[in-house]
Protein backbone atom coordinates (compact mmCIF):
# COMPACT_ATOMS: atom_id res chain seq x y z
CA MET A 1 126.84 136.21 107.67
CA THR A 2 125.17 133.17 109.28
CA ASP A 3 123.02 131.07 106.94
CA THR A 4 119.89 130.68 109.10
CA ARG A 5 118.28 128.33 106.58
CA THR A 6 121.12 125.87 107.14
CA LEU A 7 121.07 126.28 110.92
CA THR A 8 117.32 125.79 111.29
CA GLY A 9 117.08 122.97 108.78
CA ASP A 10 114.50 124.54 106.49
CA GLU A 11 115.90 122.75 103.45
CA VAL A 12 115.84 119.37 105.20
CA VAL A 13 112.26 119.90 106.35
CA ALA A 14 111.19 120.93 102.85
CA GLN A 15 112.95 117.97 101.22
CA VAL A 16 111.53 115.38 103.61
CA SER A 17 108.04 116.85 103.27
CA ALA A 18 108.32 116.71 99.47
CA LEU A 19 109.55 113.11 99.56
CA VAL A 20 106.67 112.03 101.76
CA GLU A 21 104.09 113.73 99.55
CA GLU A 22 105.65 112.19 96.44
CA ILE A 23 105.33 108.70 97.88
CA PHE A 24 101.73 109.20 98.99
CA ASP A 25 100.92 110.70 95.58
CA ARG A 26 102.14 107.46 93.99
CA LEU A 27 99.53 105.63 96.05
CA LYS A 28 96.54 107.75 95.04
CA PRO A 29 95.85 105.86 91.77
CA VAL A 30 96.16 102.56 93.67
CA LEU A 31 93.66 103.83 96.24
CA ALA A 32 91.22 104.93 93.55
CA ALA A 33 91.52 101.59 91.73
CA ALA A 34 91.00 99.58 94.93
CA GLU A 35 87.93 101.54 95.98
CA THR A 36 86.48 101.27 92.46
CA LEU A 37 87.06 97.52 92.39
CA LEU A 38 85.54 96.96 95.83
CA GLY A 39 82.54 99.10 94.93
CA GLU A 40 81.54 97.07 91.88
CA PRO A 41 78.18 95.25 92.02
CA GLY A 42 78.62 91.91 93.69
CA GLY A 43 81.81 93.02 95.39
CA ALA A 44 85.32 91.81 94.72
CA GLY A 45 86.92 88.43 95.20
CA ALA A 46 90.52 87.36 95.59
CA ASP A 47 90.59 86.38 91.94
CA THR A 48 89.69 89.94 90.87
CA LEU A 49 92.39 91.77 92.82
CA HIS A 50 94.60 91.59 89.75
CA GLY A 51 92.38 94.39 88.43
CA ILE A 52 94.43 96.92 90.42
CA ARG A 53 97.75 95.48 89.29
CA PRO A 54 98.47 98.13 86.61
CA GLN A 55 98.18 100.90 89.20
CA VAL A 56 100.28 98.95 91.71
CA LEU A 57 103.07 98.39 89.20
CA GLU A 58 102.97 102.03 88.17
CA ALA A 59 103.49 103.03 91.81
CA LEU A 60 106.80 101.16 91.90
CA GLY A 61 109.93 103.16 91.15
CA GLY A 62 111.89 106.02 92.63
CA LEU A 63 112.14 105.25 96.32
CA VAL A 64 109.17 102.86 96.26
CA ILE A 65 110.32 99.22 96.20
CA GLY A 66 107.02 97.60 97.18
CA ALA A 67 103.36 98.50 96.81
CA GLY A 68 99.91 97.01 96.88
CA PHE A 69 96.55 96.51 98.57
CA VAL A 70 95.77 94.59 101.76
CA SER A 71 92.11 93.96 102.54
CA ALA A 72 90.33 94.08 105.86
CA PRO A 73 88.86 90.74 107.00
CA HIS A 74 85.66 89.60 105.26
CA VAL A 75 85.77 92.37 102.66
CA LEU A 76 86.35 89.99 99.76
CA SER A 77 83.47 87.80 98.63
CA ASP A 78 85.35 84.51 98.51
CA GLN A 79 87.93 84.52 101.32
CA GLU A 80 88.61 86.16 104.67
CA PHE A 81 91.85 87.95 103.81
CA GLY A 82 93.24 89.53 100.65
CA PHE A 83 96.76 90.54 99.68
CA GLU A 84 97.90 91.98 96.34
CA TRP A 85 101.49 93.15 96.82
CA TRP A 86 104.38 93.57 94.42
CA THR A 87 108.06 94.25 95.06
CA THR A 88 111.01 95.07 92.86
CA THR A 89 114.62 94.09 92.49
CA GLY A 90 117.22 96.24 90.73
CA SER A 91 117.04 100.03 90.81
CA ASP A 92 115.23 102.79 89.01
CA ASP A 93 116.04 106.34 87.96
CA ARG A 94 112.53 107.55 87.29
CA GLY A 95 110.58 109.59 89.74
CA SER A 96 113.09 110.79 92.29
CA GLY A 97 111.10 113.97 91.98
CA GLY A 98 113.66 116.61 92.85
CA SER A 99 114.54 114.72 95.97
CA GLY A 100 118.20 115.56 95.76
CA SER A 101 119.33 111.97 95.34
CA ASP A 102 122.77 111.37 93.92
CA ASP A 103 121.64 108.00 92.59
CA GLY A 104 122.11 107.63 88.87
CA GLY A 105 121.04 104.01 88.70
CA SER A 106 119.50 102.77 85.48
CA ASP A 107 119.03 99.05 86.05
CA ALA A 108 115.60 97.83 84.96
CA LEU A 109 112.97 97.18 87.58
CA VAL A 110 111.87 93.56 87.91
CA PRO A 111 108.42 93.38 89.56
CA GLU A 112 107.70 90.25 91.57
CA GLN A 113 104.45 89.36 93.29
CA LEU A 114 104.70 88.65 97.00
CA PHE A 115 102.72 85.67 98.27
CA ILE A 116 101.94 85.04 101.94
CA SER A 117 99.83 82.46 103.72
CA LEU A 118 96.29 83.76 104.19
CA ASP A 119 95.07 80.64 105.97
CA PRO A 120 94.58 81.28 109.71
CA GLU A 121 95.11 77.55 110.33
CA SER A 122 98.53 77.59 108.72
CA PRO A 123 101.63 77.77 110.95
CA ASN A 124 102.99 80.35 108.50
CA PHE A 125 99.94 82.60 108.75
CA LEU A 126 100.75 86.27 109.36
CA ASP A 127 97.88 88.19 110.94
CA TYR A 128 98.58 91.51 109.29
CA THR A 129 95.58 93.05 111.06
CA ARG A 130 97.86 93.38 114.10
CA GLN A 131 100.52 95.37 112.26
CA SER A 132 100.61 99.12 112.91
CA TRP A 133 100.80 99.93 109.19
CA PHE A 134 97.31 98.39 109.08
CA THR A 135 95.84 99.29 112.49
CA VAL A 136 96.72 103.00 112.56
CA PRO A 137 94.93 103.87 109.27
CA ARG A 138 92.04 101.61 110.33
CA ASP A 139 91.63 103.25 113.72
CA SER A 140 92.50 106.84 112.83
CA GLY A 141 91.17 107.10 109.28
CA ARG A 142 94.39 108.84 108.31
CA ARG A 143 97.49 108.07 106.37
CA HIS A 144 100.43 106.61 108.26
CA ILE A 145 104.17 106.01 108.03
CA ASN A 146 105.39 102.94 109.90
CA GLY A 147 109.03 102.46 110.76
CA PRO A 148 111.88 102.23 110.77
CA TYR A 149 111.50 98.51 111.29
CA VAL A 150 113.14 95.40 109.89
CA ASP A 151 110.64 94.04 107.38
CA TYR A 152 111.08 90.28 107.70
CA LEU A 153 108.09 89.69 105.45
CA CYS A 154 109.33 91.54 102.36
CA THR A 155 112.84 92.93 102.48
CA ASP A 156 114.78 91.81 105.60
CA GLU A 157 115.97 95.42 105.74
CA TYR A 158 115.12 98.56 107.65
CA THR A 159 112.00 99.81 105.93
CA LEU A 160 109.43 102.58 106.03
CA THR A 161 105.88 101.58 105.08
CA PHE A 162 103.46 104.28 103.90
CA THR A 163 99.75 103.39 104.08
CA LEU A 164 96.40 104.97 103.24
CA PRO A 165 92.99 103.67 104.42
CA VAL A 166 90.64 102.19 101.82
CA TYR A 167 86.86 102.49 102.21
CA ARG A 168 83.81 100.77 100.76
CA ASP A 169 80.43 102.36 101.40
CA GLY A 170 81.95 104.41 104.19
CA SER A 171 83.43 101.42 106.03
CA PHE A 172 87.10 100.56 106.37
CA ALA A 173 88.05 97.95 103.76
CA GLY A 174 91.84 97.75 103.99
CA VAL A 175 94.92 99.76 103.11
CA VAL A 176 97.03 100.56 100.11
CA GLY A 177 100.70 100.94 100.86
CA ALA A 178 104.24 101.48 99.69
CA ASP A 179 107.58 100.26 101.07
CA VAL A 180 110.77 102.34 101.04
CA TYR A 181 114.22 101.17 102.08
CA VAL A 182 115.58 103.32 104.89
CA ARG A 183 119.03 103.13 103.29
CA GLU A 184 117.66 104.72 100.09
CA PHE A 185 115.76 107.34 102.06
CA GLU A 186 119.00 108.09 103.91
CA ARG A 187 120.98 108.37 100.70
CA THR A 188 118.46 110.88 99.39
CA VAL A 189 118.53 113.19 102.42
CA SER A 190 122.07 112.65 103.72
CA ARG A 191 123.71 115.54 101.85
CA ARG A 192 121.39 118.11 103.35
CA LEU A 193 121.61 116.54 106.80
CA ARG A 194 125.40 116.74 106.67
CA SER A 195 125.25 120.37 105.50
CA LEU A 196 123.67 121.39 108.81
CA GLY A 197 127.08 121.18 110.47
CA ARG A 198 125.49 119.94 113.70
CA HIS A 199 124.20 116.58 114.93
CA ALA A 200 120.82 116.07 113.28
CA ALA A 201 118.36 113.21 113.02
CA LEU A 202 115.00 112.48 111.45
CA LEU A 203 112.72 110.84 114.00
CA ASN A 204 109.40 109.04 113.91
CA ALA A 205 106.57 109.92 116.29
CA GLN A 206 107.92 107.53 118.93
CA GLY A 207 111.32 109.23 118.90
CA ARG A 208 113.13 106.48 117.00
CA VAL A 209 115.85 107.52 114.59
CA ILE A 210 115.04 107.02 110.92
CA VAL A 211 118.32 108.49 109.68
CA SER A 212 120.94 110.81 111.15
CA ASN A 213 124.26 112.42 110.29
CA SER A 214 125.97 110.92 113.35
CA VAL A 215 127.19 107.39 114.03
CA ARG A 216 126.01 107.90 117.60
CA GLN A 217 122.39 107.92 116.44
CA ALA A 218 121.86 104.70 114.54
CA THR A 219 118.71 103.83 112.64
CA GLY A 220 116.15 102.37 115.03
CA SER A 221 117.75 103.80 118.18
CA LEU A 222 115.56 105.74 120.59
CA VAL A 223 116.22 109.39 121.43
CA ARG A 224 115.92 109.70 125.21
CA ASP A 225 116.99 113.26 125.97
CA VAL A 226 113.84 114.65 124.32
CA ASP A 227 110.30 113.38 125.01
CA VAL A 228 109.26 113.17 121.37
CA PRO A 229 105.92 111.35 121.94
CA ALA A 230 104.85 114.04 124.41
CA TRP A 231 105.86 116.73 121.92
CA TRP A 232 103.66 115.12 119.24
CA THR A 233 100.76 114.79 121.66
CA ALA A 234 101.07 118.48 122.54
CA GLY A 235 100.71 119.50 118.88
CA ALA A 236 104.23 119.18 117.45
CA GLU A 237 104.87 122.91 117.25
CA PRO A 238 108.48 123.97 116.50
CA GLN A 239 110.42 123.92 119.75
CA THR A 240 113.81 125.14 120.91
CA MET A 241 115.09 123.37 124.00
CA SER A 242 117.03 125.06 126.81
CA GLY A 243 120.32 123.68 125.50
CA GLY A 244 119.69 125.10 122.03
CA ALA A 245 118.50 121.94 120.28
CA THR A 246 115.54 122.38 117.94
CA LEU A 247 112.68 120.02 117.09
CA ARG A 248 110.44 120.59 114.08
CA ARG A 249 107.86 118.65 112.13
CA CYS A 250 108.58 117.96 108.46
CA GLY A 251 105.52 119.39 106.77
CA ASP A 252 102.36 117.31 107.31
CA SER A 253 104.30 114.09 107.84
CA PRO A 254 104.80 112.17 111.10
CA ILE A 255 108.54 112.79 110.82
CA ALA A 256 110.47 115.31 112.92
CA LEU A 257 113.88 116.91 112.52
CA LEU A 258 115.97 117.13 115.69
CA VAL A 259 119.04 119.37 115.46
CA SER A 260 121.35 119.29 118.45
CA VAL A 261 123.98 121.78 119.52
């Protein structure tokens, strides 16, 4: 008897959806803390951003190797930009959340604060307001997953960045976010991808490969035989192509599963 769950990728879709929701759930306390801080009488300054640090540090772990808050311009009372971001070294075995990871790591997490130049006159200034992990939540009002991209600011590795918009009095005030190594995401989902027995890849909304079970589809490469952006624009309904390949959305996430013949 044919196992249709394996052929259609139901288990992969369910696992990826659960992983995405787990990561965004980790950000909810950070979001609440940021909006509370920004809503205090007199507003918030750069020197008060440490008030959300406990929630940021709690968000670290599992697949999340970086987290924090990035303010919109002129939201803080004492400077134009604001950046409270922490990263970790080592590994963690808490909070893989039924993700199916084979990782049994137990090394202690070592949180480190990330500092960047916030001075627009500095040659090292990074205008994060141009980054899609910032602009998409700002412009759409919705959560976003950016990547895969090489994060030269934080990790120098292929990374996925998950962001949620932050509001103050109904106006956009910044984002809270979490970074995930693509290699760790791949390790978590690889067993189920391999079990499909066919070429399969997880794609972002632009059709770039996040992870796959084939060396012919490397992370960051663009799928050209399927118009993935057009599929998303049309509503991202499950689709079977003429050659038998299938394309499905993974839950409510901007990640799709492509299974080829």
